[in-house]
């Protein structure tokens, strides 16, 4: 991700209670994109993402999993997350690099 974006827009987030999100993309003029990476979709536990979204409520939430055959959105208590494949993740990063939406 760092090599493709070539800018200091990829961050890691952790609060004092130990909640953490793998990657946060911060692009000028846009809400932060929170990204969690899991080998299997069933491994995702929404507590950390919920803690992040309590502090930063606006923005997309991507859960990148190698076992997602078809992308889908799931609603949690106070946020929605998109479960996406590695292929879809790559496409989205490339769109961000080329400023496509």
PDB file of N, CA and C in Angstrom:
ATOM      1  N   UNK A   1       0.835  -1.174   0.000  1.00  0.00           N
ATOM      2  CA  UNK A   1       0.000   0.000   0.000  1.00  0.00           C
ATOM      3  C   UNK A   1       0.887   1.247   0.000  1.00  0.00           C
ATOM      4  N   UNK A   2       1.902   1.263   0.860  1.00  0.00           N
ATOM      5  CA  UNK A   2       2.785   2.428   0.915  1.00  0.00           C
ATOM      6  C   UNK A   2       3.461   2.670  -0.425  1.00  0.00           C
ATOM      7  N   UNK A   3       3.949   1.610  -1.067  1.00  0.00           N
ATOM      8  CA  UNK A   3       4.672   1.788  -2.321  1.00  0.00           C
ATOM      9  C   UNK A   3       3.773   2.270  -3.444  1.00  0.00           C
ATOM     10  N   UNK A   4       2.522   1.867  -3.449  1.00  0.00           N
ATOM     11  CA  UNK A   4       1.595   2.298  -4.502  1.00  0.00           C
ATOM     12  C   UNK A   4       1.140   3.729  -4.275  1.00  0.00           C
ATOM     13  N   UNK A   5       0.775   4.058  -3.051  1.00  0.00           N
ATOM     14  CA  UNK A   5       0.269   5.403  -2.769  1.00  0.00           C
ATOM     15  C   UNK A   5       1.382   6.446  -2.749  1.00  0.00           C
ATOM     16  N   UNK A   6       2.601   6.064  -2.375  1.00  0.00           N
ATOM     17  CA  UNK A   6       3.769   6.945  -2.364  1.00  0.00           C
ATOM     18  C   UNK A   6       3.496   8.290  -1.702  1.00  0.00           C
ATOM     19  N   UNK A   7       2.837   8.261  -0.598  1.00  0.00           N
ATOM     20  CA  UNK A   7       2.557   9.473   0.169  1.00  0.00           C
ATOM     21  C   UNK A   7       2.281   9.063   1.609  1.00  0.00           C
ATOM     22  N   UNK A   8       2.472   9.979   2.536  1.00  0.00           N
ATOM     23  CA  UNK A   8       2.242   9.631   3.945  1.00  0.00           C
ATOM     24  C   UNK A   8       0.764   9.638   4.313  1.00  0.00           C
ATOM     25  N   UNK A   9      -0.014   8.830   3.623  1.00  0.00           N
ATOM     26  CA  UNK A   9      -1.456   8.800   3.864  1.00  0.00           C
ATOM     27  C   UNK A   9      -1.903   7.514   4.547  1.00  0.00           C
ATOM     28  N   UNK A  10      -0.983   6.589   4.762  1.00  0.00           N
ATOM     29  CA  UNK A  10      -1.319   5.313   5.386  1.00  0.00           C
ATOM     30  C   UNK A  10      -0.866   5.365   6.848  1.00  0.00           C
ATOM     31  N   UNK A  11      -1.812   5.165   7.748  1.00  0.00           N
ATOM     32  CA  UNK A  11      -1.518   5.246   9.171  1.00  0.00           C
ATOM     33  C   UNK A  11      -2.032   3.994   9.883  1.00  0.00           C
ATOM     34  N   UNK A  12      -1.635   3.870  11.128  1.00  0.00           N
ATOM     35  CA  UNK A  12      -2.073   2.815  12.031  1.00  0.00           C
ATOM     36  C   UNK A  12      -2.784   3.536  13.167  1.00  0.00           C
ATOM     37  N   UNK A  13      -3.825   2.932  13.722  1.00  0.00           N
ATOM     38  CA  UNK A  13      -4.545   3.587  14.814  1.00  0.00           C
ATOM     39  C   UNK A  13      -4.630   2.658  16.013  1.00  0.00           C
ATOM     40  N   UNK A  14      -4.361   3.231  17.184  1.00  0.00           N
ATOM     41  CA  UNK A  14      -4.485   2.491  18.443  1.00  0.00           C
ATOM     42  C   UNK A  14      -4.870   3.482  19.533  1.00  0.00           C
ATOM     43  N   UNK A  15      -5.843   3.099  20.375  1.00  0.00           N
ATOM     44  CA  UNK A  15      -6.229   3.984  21.476  1.00  0.00           C
ATOM     45  C   UNK A  15      -5.598   3.505  22.787  1.00  0.00           C
ATOM     46  N   UNK A  16      -5.838   4.247  23.859  1.00  0.00           N
ATOM     47  CA  UNK A  16      -5.231   3.936  25.154  1.00  0.00           C
ATOM     48  C   UNK A  16      -5.732   2.624  25.744  1.00  0.00           C
ATOM     49  N   UNK A  17      -6.887   2.178  25.296  1.00  0.00           N
ATOM     50  CA  UNK A  17      -7.448   0.908  25.800  1.00  0.00           C
ATOM     51  C   UNK A  17      -6.945  -0.309  25.023  1.00  0.00           C
ATOM     52  N   UNK A  18      -6.164  -0.073  23.979  1.00  0.00           N
ATOM     53  CA  UNK A  18      -5.604  -1.171  23.201  1.00  0.00           C
ATOM     54  C   UNK A  18      -6.378  -1.533  21.951  1.00  0.00           C
ATOM     55  N   UNK A  19      -7.454  -0.810  21.648  1.00  0.00           N
ATOM     56  CA  UNK A  19      -8.161  -1.047  20.386  1.00  0.00           C
ATOM     57  C   UNK A  19      -7.254  -0.590  19.251  1.00  0.00           C
ATOM     58  N   UNK A  20      -7.214  -1.353  18.174  1.00  0.00           N
ATOM     59  CA  UNK A  20      -6.377  -0.956  17.049  1.00  0.00           C
ATOM     60  C   UNK A  20      -7.029  -1.309  15.726  1.00  0.00           C
ATOM     61  N   UNK A  21      -6.705  -0.513  14.723  1.00  0.00           N
ATOM     62  CA  UNK A  21      -7.152  -0.749  13.353  1.00  0.00           C
ATOM     63  C   UNK A  21      -5.890  -0.846  12.505  1.00  0.00           C
ATOM     64  N   UNK A  22      -5.830  -1.848  11.624  1.00  0.00           N
ATOM     65  CA  UNK A  22      -4.612  -2.125  10.863  1.00  0.00           C
ATOM     66  C   UNK A  22      -4.114  -0.929  10.063  1.00  0.00           C
ATOM     67  N   UNK A  23      -4.999  -0.325   9.261  1.00  0.00           N
ATOM     68  CA  UNK A  23      -4.599   0.797   8.413  1.00  0.00           C
ATOM     69  C   UNK A  23      -5.693   1.850   8.383  1.00  0.00           C
ATOM     70  N   UNK A  24      -5.277   3.104   8.359  1.00  0.00           N
ATOM     71  CA  UNK A  24      -6.186   4.225   8.158  1.00  0.00           C
ATOM     72  C   UNK A  24      -5.640   5.017   6.979  1.00  0.00           C
ATOM     73  N   UNK A  25      -6.445   5.167   5.938  1.00  0.00           N
ATOM     74  CA  UNK A  25      -6.061   6.000   4.796  1.00  0.00           C
ATOM     75  C   UNK A  25      -6.639   7.385   4.999  1.00  0.00           C
ATOM     76  N   UNK A  26      -5.783   8.381   4.950  1.00  0.00           N
ATOM     77  CA  UNK A  26      -6.235   9.764   5.081  1.00  0.00           C
ATOM     78  C   UNK A  26      -5.877  10.493   3.796  1.00  0.00           C
ATOM     79  N   UNK A  27      -6.887  10.816   3.039  1.00  0.00           N
ATOM     80  CA  UNK A  27      -6.701  11.510   1.771  1.00  0.00           C
ATOM     81  C   UNK A  27      -7.278  12.912   1.887  1.00  0.00           C
ATOM     82  N   UNK A  28      -6.575  13.868   1.344  1.00  0.00           N
ATOM     83  CA  UNK A  28      -6.979  15.263   1.457  1.00  0.00           C
ATOM     84  C   UNK A  28      -8.427  15.467   1.022  1.00  0.00           C
ATOM     85  N   UNK A  29      -9.193  16.101   1.900  1.00  0.00           N
ATOM     86  CA  UNK A  29     -10.576  16.427   1.584  1.00  0.00           C
ATOM     87  C   UNK A  29     -11.559  15.275   1.713  1.00  0.00           C
ATOM     88  N   UNK A  30     -11.103  14.126   2.218  1.00  0.00           N
ATOM     89  CA  UNK A  30     -11.985  12.962   2.352  1.00  0.00           C
ATOM     90  C   UNK A  30     -11.964  12.446   3.789  1.00  0.00           C
ATOM     91  N   UNK A  31     -13.030  11.763   4.150  1.00  0.00           N
ATOM     92  CA  UNK A  31     -13.087  11.125   5.462  1.00  0.00           C
ATOM     93  C   UNK A  31     -12.111   9.950   5.490  1.00  0.00           C
ATOM     94  N   UNK A  32     -11.601   9.595   6.666  1.00  0.00           N
ATOM     95  CA  UNK A  32     -10.646   8.485   6.743  1.00  0.00           C
ATOM     96  C   UNK A  32     -11.290   7.146   6.379  1.00  0.00           C
ATOM     97  N   UNK A  33     -10.520   6.328   5.690  1.00  0.00           N
ATOM     98  CA  UNK A  33     -10.937   4.968   5.345  1.00  0.00           C
ATOM     99  C   UNK A  33     -10.236   4.026   6.315  1.00  0.00           C
ATOM    100  N   UNK A  34     -11.015   3.272   7.079  1.00  0.00           N
ATOM    101  CA  UNK A  34     -10.463   2.313   8.034  1.00  0.00           C
ATOM    102  C   UNK A  34     -10.383   0.942   7.366  1.00  0.00           C
ATOM    103  N   UNK A  35      -9.239   0.276   7.517  1.00  0.00           N
ATOM    104  CA  UNK A  35      -9.013  -1.009   6.849  1.00  0.00           C
ATOM    105  C   UNK A  35      -8.520  -2.036   7.860  1.00  0.00           C
ATOM    106  N   UNK A  36      -9.216  -3.149   7.927  1.00  0.00           N
ATOM    107  CA  UNK A  36      -8.784  -4.300   8.719  1.00  0.00           C
ATOM    108  C   UNK A  36      -8.483  -5.429   7.741  1.00  0.00           C
ATOM    109  N   UNK A  37      -7.411  -6.164   7.975  1.00  0.00           N
ATOM    110  CA  UNK A  37      -7.038  -7.294   7.128  1.00  0.00           C
ATOM    111  C   UNK A  37      -7.172  -8.585   7.932  1.00  0.00           C
ATOM    112  N   UNK A  38      -7.911  -9.518   7.379  1.00  0.00           N
ATOM    113  CA  UNK A  38      -8.131 -10.814   8.033  1.00  0.00           C
ATOM    114  C   UNK A  38      -7.948 -11.924   7.003  1.00  0.00           C
ATOM    115  N   UNK A  39      -7.425 -13.045   7.441  1.00  0.00           N
ATOM    116  CA  UNK A  39      -7.284 -14.177   6.537  1.00  0.00           C
ATOM    117  C   UNK A  39      -8.666 -14.725   6.169  1.00  0.00           C
ATOM    118  N   UNK A  40      -9.540 -14.819   7.166  1.00  0.00           N
ATOM    119  CA  UNK A  40     -10.901 -15.306   6.929  1.00  0.00           C
ATOM    120  C   UNK A  40     -11.898 -14.285   7.462  1.00  0.00           C
ATOM    121  N   UNK A  41     -12.980 -14.099   6.723  1.00  0.00           N
ATOM    122  CA  UNK A  41     -13.973 -13.089   7.114  1.00  0.00           C
ATOM    123  C   UNK A  41     -14.549 -13.331   8.504  1.00  0.00           C
ATOM    124  N   UNK A  42     -14.679 -14.579   8.897  1.00  0.00           N
ATOM    125  CA  UNK A  42     -15.260 -14.892  10.209  1.00  0.00           C
ATOM    126  C   UNK A  42     -14.350 -14.480  11.366  1.00  0.00           C
ATOM    127  N   UNK A  43     -13.098 -14.155  11.075  1.00  0.00           N
ATOM    128  CA  UNK A  43     -12.166 -13.715  12.113  1.00  0.00           C
ATOM    129  C   UNK A  43     -12.378 -12.247  12.498  1.00  0.00           C
ATOM    130  N   UNK A  44     -13.146 -11.515  11.708  1.00  0.00           N
ATOM    131  CA  UNK A  44     -13.350 -10.094  12.016  1.00  0.00           C
ATOM    132  C   UNK A  44     -14.202  -9.934  13.259  1.00  0.00           C
ATOM    133  N   UNK A  45     -13.717  -9.124  14.178  1.00  0.00           N
ATOM    134  CA  UNK A  45     -14.414  -8.795  15.423  1.00  0.00           C
ATOM    135  C   UNK A  45     -14.592  -7.276  15.402  1.00  0.00           C
ATOM    136  N   UNK A  46     -15.797  -6.756  15.451  1.00  0.00           N
ATOM    137  CA  UNK A  46     -16.041  -5.332  15.211  1.00  0.00           C
ATOM    138  C   UNK A  46     -15.654  -4.362  16.328  1.00  0.00           C
ATOM    139  N   UNK A  47     -15.202  -4.844  17.468  1.00  0.00           N
ATOM    140  CA  UNK A  47     -14.923  -3.964  18.611  1.00  0.00           C
ATOM    141  C   UNK A  47     -13.919  -2.859  18.288  1.00  0.00           C
ATOM    142  N   UNK A  48     -12.820  -3.208  17.623  1.00  0.00           N
ATOM    143  CA  UNK A  48     -11.786  -2.209  17.328  1.00  0.00           C
ATOM    144  C   UNK A  48     -12.271  -1.164  16.336  1.00  0.00           C
ATOM    145  N   UNK A  49     -12.947  -1.611  15.300  1.00  0.00           N
ATOM    146  CA  UNK A  49     -13.475  -0.672  14.305  1.00  0.00           C
ATOM    147  C   UNK A  49     -14.516   0.234  14.953  1.00  0.00           C
ATOM    148  N   UNK A  50     -15.342  -0.315  15.827  1.00  0.00           N
ATOM    149  CA  UNK A  50     -16.353   0.486  16.525  1.00  0.00           C
ATOM    150  C   UNK A  50     -15.690   1.558  17.389  1.00  0.00           C
ATOM    151  N   UNK A  51     -14.602   1.209  18.060  1.00  0.00           N
ATOM    152  CA  UNK A  51     -13.884   2.190  18.884  1.00  0.00           C
ATOM    153  C   UNK A  51     -13.329   3.312  18.014  1.00  0.00           C
ATOM    154  N   UNK A  52     -12.791   2.964  16.850  1.00  0.00           N
ATOM    155  CA  UNK A  52     -12.283   3.987  15.932  1.00  0.00           C
ATOM    156  C   UNK A  52     -13.419   4.887  15.452  1.00  0.00           C
ATOM    157  N   UNK A  53     -14.534   4.278  15.067  1.00  0.00           N
ATOM    158  CA  UNK A  53     -15.655   5.053  14.534  1.00  0.00           C
ATOM    159  C   UNK A  53     -16.358   5.865  15.616  1.00  0.00           C
ATOM    160  N   UNK A  54     -16.209   5.515  16.875  1.00  0.00           N
ATOM    161  CA  UNK A  54     -16.722   6.376  17.947  1.00  0.00           C
ATOM    162  C   UNK A  54     -15.990   7.710  17.950  1.00  0.00           C
ATOM    163  N   UNK A  55     -14.703   7.690  17.627  1.00  0.00           N
ATOM    164  CA  UNK A  55     -13.908   8.915  17.582  1.00  0.00           C
ATOM    165  C   UNK A  55     -13.969   9.608  16.227  1.00  0.00           C
ATOM    166  N   UNK A  56     -14.084   8.829  15.161  1.00  0.00           N
ATOM    167  CA  UNK A  56     -14.100   9.355  13.792  1.00  0.00           C
ATOM    168  C   UNK A  56     -15.282   8.720  13.060  1.00  0.00           C
ATOM    169  N   UNK A  57     -16.485   9.251  13.254  1.00  0.00           N
ATOM    170  CA  UNK A  57     -17.689   8.565  12.765  1.00  0.00           C
ATOM    171  C   UNK A  57     -17.856   8.488  11.245  1.00  0.00           C
ATOM    172  N   UNK A  58     -17.295   9.404  10.499  1.00  0.00           N
ATOM    173  CA  UNK A  58     -17.518   9.411   9.048  1.00  0.00           C
ATOM    174  C   UNK A  58     -16.389   8.681   8.324  1.00  0.00           C
ATOM    175  N   UNK A  59     -16.744   7.983   7.260  1.00  0.00           N
ATOM    176  CA  UNK A  59     -15.743   7.318   6.434  1.00  0.00           C
ATOM    177  C   UNK A  59     -16.120   5.877   6.136  1.00  0.00           C
ATOM    178  N   UNK A  60     -15.414   5.321   5.176  1.00  0.00           N
ATOM    179  CA  UNK A  60     -15.645   3.938   4.770  1.00  0.00           C
ATOM    180  C   UNK A  60     -14.873   2.985   5.676  1.00  0.00           C
ATOM    181  N   UNK A  61     -15.371   1.757   5.759  1.00  0.00           N
ATOM    182  CA  UNK A  61     -14.730   0.695   6.534  1.00  0.00           C
ATOM    183  C   UNK A  61     -14.580  -0.516   5.629  1.00  0.00           C
ATOM    184  N   UNK A  62     -13.352  -0.914   5.382  1.00  0.00           N
ATOM    185  CA  UNK A  62     -13.075  -2.052   4.519  1.00  0.00           C
ATOM    186  C   UNK A  62     -12.481  -3.179   5.353  1.00  0.00           C
ATOM    187  N   UNK A  63     -13.034  -4.371   5.190  1.00  0.00           N
ATOM    188  CA  UNK A  63     -12.469  -5.571   5.797  1.00  0.00           C
ATOM    189  C   UNK A  63     -11.950  -6.411   4.632  1.00  0.00           C
ATOM    190  N   UNK A  64     -10.647  -6.520   4.515  1.00  0.00           N
ATOM    191  CA  UNK A  64     -10.020  -7.213   3.390  1.00  0.00           C
ATOM    192  C   UNK A  64      -9.719  -8.643   3.817  1.00  0.00           C
ATOM    193  N   UNK A  65     -10.285  -9.608   3.069  1.00  0.00           N
ATOM    194  CA  UNK A  65     -10.135 -11.026   3.427  1.00  0.00           C
ATOM    195  C   UNK A  65      -9.806 -11.839   2.183  1.00  0.00           C
ATOM    196  N   UNK A  66      -8.949 -12.816   2.346  1.00  0.00           N
ATOM    197  CA  UNK A  66      -8.596 -13.660   1.203  1.00  0.00           C
ATOM    198  C   UNK A  66      -9.718 -14.625   0.836  1.00  0.00           C
ATOM    199  N   UNK A  67     -10.649 -14.883   1.737  1.00  0.00           N
ATOM    200  CA  UNK A  67     -11.697 -15.867   1.446  1.00  0.00           C
ATOM    201  C   UNK A  67     -13.020 -15.241   0.995  1.00  0.00           C
ATOM    202  N   UNK A  68     -13.038 -13.945   0.709  1.00  0.00           N
ATOM    203  CA  UNK A  68     -14.269 -13.303   0.228  1.00  0.00           C
ATOM    204  C   UNK A  68     -14.365 -13.523  -1.282  1.00  0.00           C
ATOM    205  N   UNK A  69     -15.353 -14.299  -1.690  1.00  0.00           N
ATOM    206  CA  UNK A  69     -15.559 -14.564  -3.112  1.00  0.00           C
ATOM    207  C   UNK A  69     -16.397 -13.465  -3.759  1.00  0.00           C
ATOM    208  N   UNK A  70     -17.342 -12.933  -3.011  1.00  0.00           N
ATOM    209  CA  UNK A  70     -18.214 -11.866  -3.499  1.00  0.00           C
ATOM    210  C   UNK A  70     -18.264 -10.787  -2.418  1.00  0.00           C
ATOM    211  N   UNK A  71     -17.958  -9.560  -2.796  1.00  0.00           N
ATOM    212  CA  UNK A  71     -17.953  -8.453  -1.840  1.00  0.00           C
ATOM    213  C   UNK A  71     -19.345  -8.253  -1.259  1.00  0.00           C
ATOM    214  N   UNK A  72     -19.399  -7.891   0.031  1.00  0.00           N
ATOM    215  CA  UNK A  72     -20.690  -7.645   0.669  1.00  0.00           C
ATOM    216  C   UNK A  72     -20.527  -6.629   1.788  1.00  0.00           C
ATOM    217  N   UNK A  73     -21.634  -6.032   2.196  1.00  0.00           N
ATOM    218  CA  UNK A  73     -21.649  -5.059   3.282  1.00  0.00           C
ATOM    219  C   UNK A  73     -22.403  -5.655   4.459  1.00  0.00           C
ATOM    220  N   UNK A  74     -21.869  -5.445   5.644  1.00  0.00           N
ATOM    221  CA  UNK A  74     -22.521  -5.925   6.863  1.00  0.00           C
ATOM    222  C   UNK A  74     -22.673  -4.753   7.824  1.00  0.00           C
ATOM    223  N   UNK A  75     -23.840  -4.662   8.452  1.00  0.00           N
ATOM    224  CA  UNK A  75     -24.100  -3.621   9.445  1.00  0.00           C
ATOM    225  C   UNK A  75     -23.766  -4.132  10.834  1.00  0.00           C
ATOM    226  N   UNK A  76     -23.115  -3.271  11.591  1.00  0.00           N
ATOM    227  CA  UNK A  76     -22.820  -3.551  12.985  1.00  0.00           C
ATOM    228  C   UNK A  76     -23.570  -2.511  13.808  1.00  0.00           C
ATOM    229  N   UNK A  77     -23.318  -2.437  15.085  1.00  0.00           N
ATOM    230  CA  UNK A  77     -24.088  -1.559  15.960  1.00  0.00           C
ATOM    231  C   UNK A  77     -24.138  -0.114  15.466  1.00  0.00           C
ATOM    232  N   UNK A  78     -22.991   0.510  15.228  1.00  0.00           N
ATOM    233  CA  UNK A  78     -22.975   1.923  14.847  1.00  0.00           C
ATOM    234  C   UNK A  78     -22.240   2.198  13.546  1.00  0.00           C
ATOM    235  N   UNK A  79     -21.934   1.179  12.786  1.00  0.00           N
ATOM    236  CA  UNK A  79     -21.235   1.385  11.518  1.00  0.00           C
ATOM    237  C   UNK A  79     -21.513   0.221  10.572  1.00  0.00           C
ATOM    238  N   UNK A  80     -21.191   0.455   9.305  1.00  0.00           N
ATOM    239  CA  UNK A  80     -21.267  -0.586   8.287  1.00  0.00           C
ATOM    240  C   UNK A  80     -19.858  -0.846   7.785  1.00  0.00           C
ATOM    241  N   UNK A  81     -19.590  -2.083   7.417  1.00  0.00           N
ATOM    242  CA  UNK A  81     -18.281  -2.444   6.881  1.00  0.00           C
ATOM    243  C   UNK A  81     -18.468  -3.221   5.590  1.00  0.00           C
ATOM    244  N   UNK A  82     -17.581  -2.953   4.648  1.00  0.00           N
ATOM    245  CA  UNK A  82     -17.573  -3.686   3.385  1.00  0.00           C
ATOM    246  C   UNK A  82     -16.513  -4.778   3.477  1.00  0.00           C
ATOM    247  N   UNK A  83     -16.916  -6.000   3.269  1.00  0.00           N
ATOM    248  CA  UNK A  83     -15.993  -7.122   3.217  1.00  0.00           C
ATOM    249  C   UNK A  83     -15.596  -7.287   1.759  1.00  0.00           C
ATOM    250  N   UNK A  84     -14.310  -7.139   1.486  1.00  0.00           N
ATOM    251  CA  UNK A  84     -13.849  -7.148   0.100  1.00  0.00           C
ATOM    252  C   UNK A  84     -12.693  -8.130  -0.082  1.00  0.00           C
ATOM    253  N   UNK A  85     -12.555  -8.587  -1.318  1.00  0.00           N
ATOM    254  CA  UNK A  85     -11.470  -9.505  -1.672  1.00  0.00           C
ATOM    255  C   UNK A  85     -10.167  -8.725  -1.850  1.00  0.00           C
ATOM    256  N   UNK A  86      -9.068  -9.447  -1.906  1.00  0.00           N
ATOM    257  CA  UNK A  86      -7.773  -8.817  -2.178  1.00  0.00           C
ATOM    258  C   UNK A  86      -7.789  -8.143  -3.546  1.00  0.00           C
ATOM    259  N   UNK A  87      -8.439  -8.775  -4.505  1.00  0.00           N
ATOM    260  CA  UNK A  87      -8.526  -8.202  -5.851  1.00  0.00           C
ATOM    261  C   UNK A  87      -9.265  -6.862  -5.818  1.00  0.00           C
ATOM    262  N   UNK A  88     -10.392  -6.813  -5.117  1.00  0.00           N
ATOM    263  CA  UNK A  88     -11.152  -5.569  -5.007  1.00  0.00           C
ATOM    264  C   UNK A  88     -10.345  -4.506  -4.270  1.00  0.00           C
ATOM    265  N   UNK A  89      -9.627  -4.903  -3.239  1.00  0.00           N
ATOM    266  CA  UNK A  89      -8.784  -3.968  -2.504  1.00  0.00           C
ATOM    267  C   UNK A  89      -7.752  -3.334  -3.436  1.00  0.00           C
ATOM    268  N   UNK A  90      -7.110  -4.160  -4.240  1.00  0.00           N
ATOM    269  CA  UNK A  90      -6.121  -3.670  -5.196  1.00  0.00           C
ATOM    270  C   UNK A  90      -6.745  -2.668  -6.174  1.00  0.00           C
ATOM    271  N   UNK A  91      -7.937  -2.980  -6.663  1.00  0.00           N
ATOM    272  CA  UNK A  91      -8.635  -2.072  -7.578  1.00  0.00           C
ATOM    273  C   UNK A  91      -8.927  -0.735  -6.906  1.00  0.00           C
ATOM    274  N   UNK A  92      -9.391  -0.789  -5.665  1.00  0.00           N
ATOM    275  CA  UNK A  92      -9.733   0.451  -4.953  1.00  0.00           C
ATOM    276  C   UNK A  92      -8.497   1.308  -4.694  1.00  0.00           C
ATOM    277  N   UNK A  93      -7.406   0.673  -4.332  1.00  0.00           N
ATOM    278  CA  UNK A  93      -6.166   1.424  -4.107  1.00  0.00           C
ATOM    279  C   UNK A  93      -5.716   2.072  -5.413  1.00  0.00           C
ATOM    280  N   UNK A  94      -5.781   1.332  -6.503  1.00  0.00           N
ATOM    281  CA  UNK A  94      -5.403   1.905  -7.800  1.00  0.00           C
ATOM    282  C   UNK A  94      -6.298   3.073  -8.178  1.00  0.00           C
ATOM    283  N   UNK A  95      -7.603   2.971  -7.898  1.00  0.00           N
ATOM    284  CA  UNK A  95      -8.508   4.094  -8.169  1.00  0.00           C
ATOM    285  C   UNK A  95      -8.123   5.315  -7.347  1.00  0.00           C
ATOM    286  N   UNK A  96      -7.770   5.095  -6.091  1.00  0.00           N
ATOM    287  CA  UNK A  96      -7.354   6.217  -5.243  1.00  0.00           C
ATOM    288  C   UNK A  96      -6.101   6.884  -5.798  1.00  0.00           C
ATOM    289  N   UNK A  97      -5.165   6.071  -6.263  1.00  0.00           N
ATOM    290  CA  UNK A  97      -3.925   6.603  -6.828  1.00  0.00           C
ATOM    291  C   UNK A  97      -4.216   7.435  -8.073  1.00  0.00           C
ATOM    292  N   UNK A  98      -5.145   6.971  -8.871  1.00  0.00           N
ATOM    293  CA  UNK A  98      -5.472   7.662 -10.124  1.00  0.00           C
ATOM    294  C   UNK A  98      -6.634   8.632  -9.959  1.00  0.00           C
ATOM    295  N   UNK A  99      -7.032   8.878  -8.700  1.00  0.00           N
ATOM    296  CA  UNK A  99      -8.085   9.851  -8.358  1.00  0.00           C
ATOM    297  C   UNK A  99      -9.423   9.549  -9.023  1.00  0.00           C
ATOM    298  N   UNK A 100      -9.712   8.257  -9.213  1.00  0.00           N
ATOM    299  CA  UNK A 100     -11.015   7.859  -9.740  1.00  0.00           C
ATOM    300  C   UNK A 100     -11.923   7.544  -8.566  1.00  0.00           C
ATOM    301  N   UNK A 101     -13.227   7.620  -8.799  1.00  0.00           N
ATOM    302  CA  UNK A 101     -14.182   7.282  -7.741  1.00  0.00           C
ATOM    303  C   UNK A 101     -15.159   6.261  -8.237  1.00  0.00           C
TER     304      UNK A 101
END
